[in-house]
Amino acid sequence: MAVAQQLLPRAVAKARRTIYPRLPESLIEYSRVARLLARSAPMTARGYRFGADVQPVDLPSSRDATRKPNALRSYFEAHREGHGIYKGRHYFDLYVRHLAGFVGREVVVVEVGVYSGGSLEMWKSYFGEHATVHGVDIQEACRVYEADAVHIHVGDQADRAFWQRFKEDVPFIDVLIDDGGHHPDEMRVTFEELLPILRPGGVYICEDIVSNEFLAYLGGLAEHLMTFERTPLAEPGVASAADSFQQAVEAIHFYPFVAVVERTLRPVADFQFPKHGSEWQPF
């Protein structure tokens, strides 16, 4: 058994050297993904089981729990007449956390899912007079919500051809909010088509992710944030060269029923981990 355990890694390494160069690139990529899934599945299952048993902690917090003024929440709570707005109440804190930096700027906002038009008005009011808001919906009836600096585009968010036409009219975006059909493939296609035109520092928000496979898709994306490629550092410590995904995406955040992806604001060449200090343990 011990001999077999020693020989198996060598045999696998030799197979990769001799067989892999002859395989189609797509098959090699599937093999990499399969190995990743096989390695991560047990830990994913353990995390899911542990999460099912996590309970709130009945202890005082060290942080200030006072609810801060929130212009978007105030707008929503005061809005009792007119065009309908359908949002989760807990969304408004994360909106302000990720979007406040765009207020008052020449920002391009895209919301997928117009429904009754009220949220387009809310975004225009929040971001200010310099904002341009684009609403996307599959229903032709939503064209009635076109207004000054508010544009309506009718199409299927799962249709890549529609997005190609859309991008001819809207070449870049700063804020993308997907509150559309909520089907995993609709979410995935929208993200894949529009992330490339999300400007540096831009923010993507996907709402109402309820028990669907898009969460697994985002988990696969998050794997790329943890890619480590050791490179030299000019001082004690280590560094990792930023790969293309790490250069493009700064962070992925998860909230109840919401995911947020943030574009990097500035170029990233590497991630540095310097050692500062003069006294170190010998281990």
Protein backbone atom coordinates (compact mmCIF):
# COMPACT_ATOMS: atom_id res chain seq x y z
CA MET A 1 0.00 0.00 0.00
CA ALA A 2 2.81 2.43 0.90
CA VAL A 3 4.53 1.80 -2.45
CA ALA A 4 1.27 2.41 -4.32
CA GLN A 5 0.77 5.69 -2.46
CA GLN A 6 4.24 6.80 -3.51
CA LEU A 7 3.87 5.75 -7.15
CA LEU A 8 0.38 7.14 -7.77
CA PRO A 9 1.36 10.85 -7.67
CA ARG A 10 4.27 10.13 -10.02
CA ALA A 11 2.00 8.29 -12.44
CA VAL A 12 -0.51 11.16 -12.41
CA ALA A 13 2.26 13.71 -12.98
CA LYS A 14 3.65 11.69 -15.88
CA ALA A 15 0.18 11.37 -17.42
CA ARG A 16 -0.24 15.14 -17.26
CA ARG A 17 3.09 15.68 -19.00
CA THR A 18 2.50 13.14 -21.74
CA ILE A 19 -1.26 13.06 -22.28
CA TYR A 20 -2.40 16.62 -21.48
CA PRO A 21 -0.52 18.27 -24.37
CA ARG A 22 -2.50 16.08 -26.77
CA LEU A 23 -5.92 16.88 -25.32
CA PRO A 24 -8.21 19.72 -26.45
CA GLU A 25 -7.95 22.78 -24.21
CA SER A 26 -11.67 22.55 -23.36
CA LEU A 27 -11.22 19.00 -22.02
CA ILE A 28 -8.23 20.07 -19.94
CA GLU A 29 -10.29 22.90 -18.47
CA TYR A 30 -13.14 20.52 -17.62
CA SER A 31 -10.59 18.30 -15.88
CA ARG A 32 -9.33 21.22 -13.79
CA VAL A 33 -12.87 22.18 -12.81
CA ALA A 34 -13.72 18.58 -11.92
CA ARG A 35 -10.69 18.36 -9.63
CA LEU A 36 -11.63 21.66 -8.01
CA LEU A 37 -15.20 20.48 -7.37
CA ALA A 38 -14.00 17.15 -5.99
CA ARG A 39 -11.65 18.92 -3.56
CA SER A 40 -14.15 21.55 -2.44
CA ALA A 41 -17.35 19.47 -2.18
CA PRO A 42 -16.64 17.95 1.29
CA MET A 43 -15.78 21.33 2.81
CA THR A 44 -18.82 22.95 1.15
CA ALA A 45 -21.04 20.28 2.70
CA ARG A 46 -19.45 20.81 6.12
CA GLY A 47 -19.95 24.57 5.88
CA TYR A 48 -23.60 24.08 4.94
CA ARG A 49 -24.18 21.71 7.87
CA PHE A 50 -22.41 24.03 10.31
CA GLY A 51 -24.39 27.04 9.04
CA ALA A 52 -27.66 25.22 9.70
CA ASP A 53 -26.80 25.15 13.42
CA VAL A 54 -25.44 28.69 13.85
CA GLN A 55 -27.51 30.74 16.31
CA PRO A 56 -27.63 34.46 17.18
CA VAL A 57 -25.42 35.50 20.10
CA ASP A 58 -27.21 37.06 23.07
CA LEU A 59 -24.40 39.46 24.00
CA PRO A 60 -24.01 43.24 23.85
CA SER A 61 -22.20 44.52 20.76
CA SER A 62 -19.06 46.64 20.84
CA ARG A 63 -20.19 48.41 17.67
CA ASP A 64 -22.62 51.28 17.39
CA ALA A 65 -25.93 49.65 16.53
CA THR A 66 -27.76 52.93 15.96
CA ARG A 67 -29.41 52.95 12.55
CA LYS A 68 -27.88 55.77 10.50
CA PRO A 69 -30.01 58.04 8.28
CA ASN A 70 -30.55 56.39 4.92
CA ALA A 71 -31.86 58.53 2.07
CA LEU A 72 -32.95 55.54 -0.01
CA ARG A 73 -34.87 53.94 2.83
CA SER A 74 -36.51 57.25 3.63
CA TYR A 75 -37.55 57.63 -0.01
CA PHE A 76 -38.97 54.11 -0.07
CA GLU A 77 -40.90 54.39 3.21
CA ALA A 78 -42.38 57.74 2.19
CA HIS A 79 -43.43 56.42 -1.23
CA ARG A 80 -47.07 55.36 -0.81
CA GLU A 81 -48.58 56.65 -4.06
CA GLY A 82 -47.46 56.53 -7.67
CA HIS A 83 -45.31 54.04 -9.56
CA GLY A 84 -44.64 50.89 -7.56
CA ILE A 85 -41.31 49.97 -5.89
CA TYR A 86 -40.79 46.36 -4.77
CA LYS A 87 -37.59 45.94 -2.70
CA GLY A 88 -36.42 44.09 0.40
CA ARG A 89 -36.22 46.45 3.36
CA HIS A 90 -32.79 45.17 4.34
CA TYR A 91 -31.46 46.00 0.86
CA PHE A 92 -31.31 49.71 1.62
CA ASP A 93 -28.36 49.45 4.02
CA LEU A 94 -26.24 47.57 1.49
CA TYR A 95 -27.30 49.96 -1.29
CA VAL A 96 -25.88 52.90 0.63
CA ARG A 97 -22.79 50.94 1.70
CA HIS A 98 -21.84 50.19 -1.90
CA LEU A 99 -23.40 53.04 -3.88
CA ALA A 100 -23.03 56.21 -1.80
CA GLY A 101 -19.78 57.10 -3.58
CA PHE A 102 -21.65 57.62 -6.86
CA VAL A 103 -24.13 60.20 -5.54
CA GLY A 104 -23.89 63.55 -7.34
CA ARG A 105 -21.60 62.20 -10.07
CA GLU A 106 -22.11 61.56 -13.79
CA VAL A 107 -23.06 57.96 -13.18
CA VAL A 108 -24.62 55.46 -15.59
CA VAL A 109 -27.06 53.16 -13.81
CA VAL A 110 -28.69 50.08 -15.32
CA GLU A 111 -31.52 48.25 -13.57
CA VAL A 112 -32.77 45.00 -15.05
CA GLY A 113 -36.42 44.53 -14.12
CA VAL A 114 -38.53 47.67 -14.48
CA TYR A 115 -41.86 46.19 -13.32
CA SER A 116 -43.92 49.24 -12.28
CA GLY A 117 -41.27 51.90 -12.78
CA GLY A 118 -40.92 53.26 -9.26
CA SER A 119 -37.38 52.10 -8.60
CA LEU A 120 -36.08 53.91 -11.70
CA GLU A 121 -37.46 57.14 -10.24
CA MET A 122 -35.89 56.26 -6.88
CA TRP A 123 -32.44 55.75 -8.43
CA LYS A 124 -32.66 58.99 -10.38
CA SER A 125 -33.62 60.88 -7.22
CA TYR A 126 -30.84 59.24 -5.18
CA PHE A 127 -27.94 59.61 -7.60
CA GLY A 128 -28.91 63.12 -8.64
CA GLU A 129 -29.29 65.31 -11.68
CA HIS A 130 -26.08 64.10 -13.36
CA ALA A 131 -27.17 60.45 -13.36
CA THR A 132 -28.45 58.58 -16.41
CA VAL A 133 -30.68 55.60 -15.64
CA HIS A 134 -31.41 52.72 -18.02
CA GLY A 135 -34.23 50.28 -17.28
CA VAL A 136 -34.36 46.86 -18.96
CA ASP A 137 -37.48 44.70 -19.07
CA ILE A 138 -38.99 42.02 -21.28
CA GLN A 139 -42.40 43.71 -21.19
CA GLU A 140 -43.16 46.27 -23.92
CA ALA A 141 -45.58 48.01 -21.55
CA CYS A 142 -42.63 49.28 -19.49
CA ARG A 143 -41.79 51.85 -22.18
CA VAL A 144 -44.27 54.19 -20.48
CA TYR A 145 -41.64 54.85 -17.77
CA GLU A 146 -39.27 56.58 -20.17
CA ALA A 147 -38.48 60.07 -18.85
CA ASP A 148 -35.79 62.73 -18.82
CA ALA A 149 -32.46 60.86 -18.35
CA VAL A 150 -34.39 57.62 -17.82
CA HIS A 151 -34.28 55.26 -20.81
CA ILE A 152 -36.16 52.00 -21.33
CA HIS A 153 -34.80 49.01 -23.26
CA VAL A 154 -37.11 46.08 -24.02
CA GLY A 155 -35.57 42.64 -24.39
CA ASP A 156 -34.89 39.24 -22.84
CA GLN A 157 -32.01 39.36 -20.36
CA ALA A 158 -31.13 35.74 -21.23
CA ASP A 159 -30.61 36.74 -24.89
CA ARG A 160 -26.99 37.59 -25.65
CA ALA A 161 -27.99 39.15 -28.97
CA PHE A 162 -30.18 41.61 -27.07
CA TRP A 163 -27.24 42.61 -24.88
CA GLN A 164 -25.04 43.12 -27.92
CA ARG A 165 -27.56 45.63 -29.25
CA PHE A 166 -27.87 47.21 -25.80
CA LYS A 167 -24.11 47.73 -25.56
CA GLU A 168 -24.12 49.61 -28.84
CA ASP A 169 -26.36 52.20 -27.13
CA VAL A 170 -24.78 51.96 -23.65
CA PRO A 171 -21.01 51.38 -24.01
CA PHE A 172 -20.19 51.56 -20.28
CA ILE A 173 -21.92 51.25 -16.91
CA ASP A 174 -21.10 52.33 -13.35
CA VAL A 175 -23.90 50.62 -11.44
CA LEU A 176 -25.70 47.44 -12.54
CA ILE A 177 -28.67 46.16 -10.54
CA ASP A 178 -30.21 42.84 -11.60
CA ASP A 179 -33.76 42.65 -10.26
CA GLY A 180 -35.09 40.91 -13.35
CA GLY A 181 -36.38 37.40 -13.96
CA HIS A 182 -34.36 35.80 -11.12
CA HIS A 183 -33.63 32.63 -13.11
CA PRO A 184 -30.00 31.45 -12.75
CA ASP A 185 -29.27 31.53 -16.48
CA GLU A 186 -30.80 35.00 -16.82
CA MET A 187 -28.57 36.22 -14.01
CA ARG A 188 -25.50 34.50 -15.45
CA VAL A 189 -25.93 35.82 -19.00
CA THR A 190 -26.58 39.35 -17.76
CA PHE A 191 -23.47 39.26 -15.58
CA GLU A 192 -21.24 37.81 -18.30
CA GLU A 193 -22.42 40.28 -20.92
CA LEU A 194 -22.26 43.42 -18.81
CA LEU A 195 -19.31 42.90 -16.44
CA PRO A 196 -16.86 43.73 -19.27
CA ILE A 197 -18.41 47.20 -19.63
CA LEU A 198 -18.63 47.91 -15.89
CA ARG A 199 -16.15 50.74 -15.39
CA PRO A 200 -13.32 50.71 -12.79
CA GLY A 201 -14.86 51.06 -9.35
CA GLY A 202 -18.24 49.96 -10.73
CA VAL A 203 -20.70 47.93 -8.69
CA TYR A 204 -22.91 44.98 -9.69
CA ILE A 205 -25.82 44.03 -7.41
CA CYS A 206 -27.88 40.90 -7.98
CA GLU A 207 -31.08 40.75 -5.96
CA ASP A 208 -33.43 38.00 -4.84
CA ILE A 209 -31.04 35.06 -5.10
CA VAL A 210 -33.30 32.49 -3.45
CA SER A 211 -32.11 28.88 -3.50
CA ASN A 212 -30.82 28.91 -7.05
CA GLU A 213 -27.68 27.81 -8.85
CA PHE A 214 -26.41 31.33 -9.42
CA LEU A 215 -24.95 31.25 -5.90
CA ALA A 216 -22.79 28.29 -6.97
CA TYR A 217 -21.72 30.25 -10.07
CA LEU A 218 -20.59 33.15 -7.87
CA GLY A 219 -18.76 30.70 -5.63
CA GLY A 220 -16.81 29.52 -8.67
CA LEU A 221 -15.96 33.15 -9.46
CA ALA A 222 -14.77 33.72 -5.89
CA GLU A 223 -12.21 30.92 -6.28
CA HIS A 224 -10.28 33.22 -8.62
CA LEU A 225 -9.94 35.87 -5.91
CA MET A 226 -7.87 33.39 -3.89
CA THR A 227 -5.42 32.44 -6.66
CA PHE A 228 -1.87 32.73 -5.28
CA GLU A 229 1.16 33.01 -7.56
CA ARG A 230 4.28 33.64 -5.50
CA THR A 231 6.54 36.42 -6.74
CA PRO A 232 9.60 38.15 -5.24
CA LEU A 233 9.23 41.01 -2.79
CA ALA A 234 11.93 43.67 -2.34
CA GLU A 235 11.68 43.36 1.46
CA PRO A 236 11.14 40.49 3.89
CA GLY A 237 7.84 38.76 3.21
CA VAL A 238 6.05 37.38 0.16
CA ALA A 239 3.98 38.66 -2.76
CA SER A 240 1.48 37.18 -5.17
CA ALA A 241 1.11 38.38 -8.75
CA ALA A 242 -2.45 39.49 -9.52
CA ASP A 243 -4.04 37.37 -12.24
CA SER A 244 -6.46 38.85 -14.75
CA PHE A 245 -9.52 38.26 -12.56
CA GLN A 246 -7.89 39.83 -9.49
CA GLN A 247 -6.93 42.81 -11.62
CA ALA A 248 -10.57 43.18 -12.71
CA VAL A 249 -12.58 42.34 -9.57
CA GLU A 250 -11.85 43.75 -6.12
CA ALA A 251 -14.44 41.93 -4.02
CA ILE A 252 -17.51 39.71 -3.96
CA HIS A 253 -19.95 40.24 -1.09
CA PHE A 254 -22.87 38.10 0.03
CA TYR A 255 -25.93 39.29 1.95
CA PRO A 256 -29.26 37.59 2.58
CA PHE A 257 -30.64 37.07 -0.97
CA VAL A 258 -28.16 39.55 -2.51
CA ALA A 259 -24.68 39.36 -4.03
CA VAL A 260 -22.45 42.35 -4.80
CA VAL A 261 -19.43 42.35 -7.11
CA GLU A 262 -17.11 45.36 -7.11
CA ARG A 263 -14.71 46.25 -9.90
CA THR A 264 -11.19 47.31 -8.96
CA LEU A 265 -10.84 51.08 -8.92
CA ARG A 266 -7.09 51.23 -9.58
CA PRO A 267 -4.64 48.92 -11.39
CA VAL A 268 -3.43 45.99 -9.28
CA ALA A 269 -0.09 44.39 -10.10
CA ASP A 270 0.40 42.24 -7.02
CA PHE A 271 -0.61 41.61 -3.43
CA GLN A 272 2.18 42.20 -0.93
CA PHE A 273 2.62 40.66 2.50
CA PRO A 274 5.66 42.39 4.04
CA LYS A 275 7.11 41.45 7.42
CA HIS A 276 7.68 44.51 9.62
CA GLY A 277 9.36 44.29 12.99
CA SER A 278 12.63 42.98 14.44
CA GLU A 279 11.54 40.29 16.92
CA TRP A 280 10.24 36.99 15.59
CA GLN A 281 9.49 33.59 17.04
CA PRO A 282 11.84 30.85 15.71
CA PHE A 283 9.02 28.67 14.34
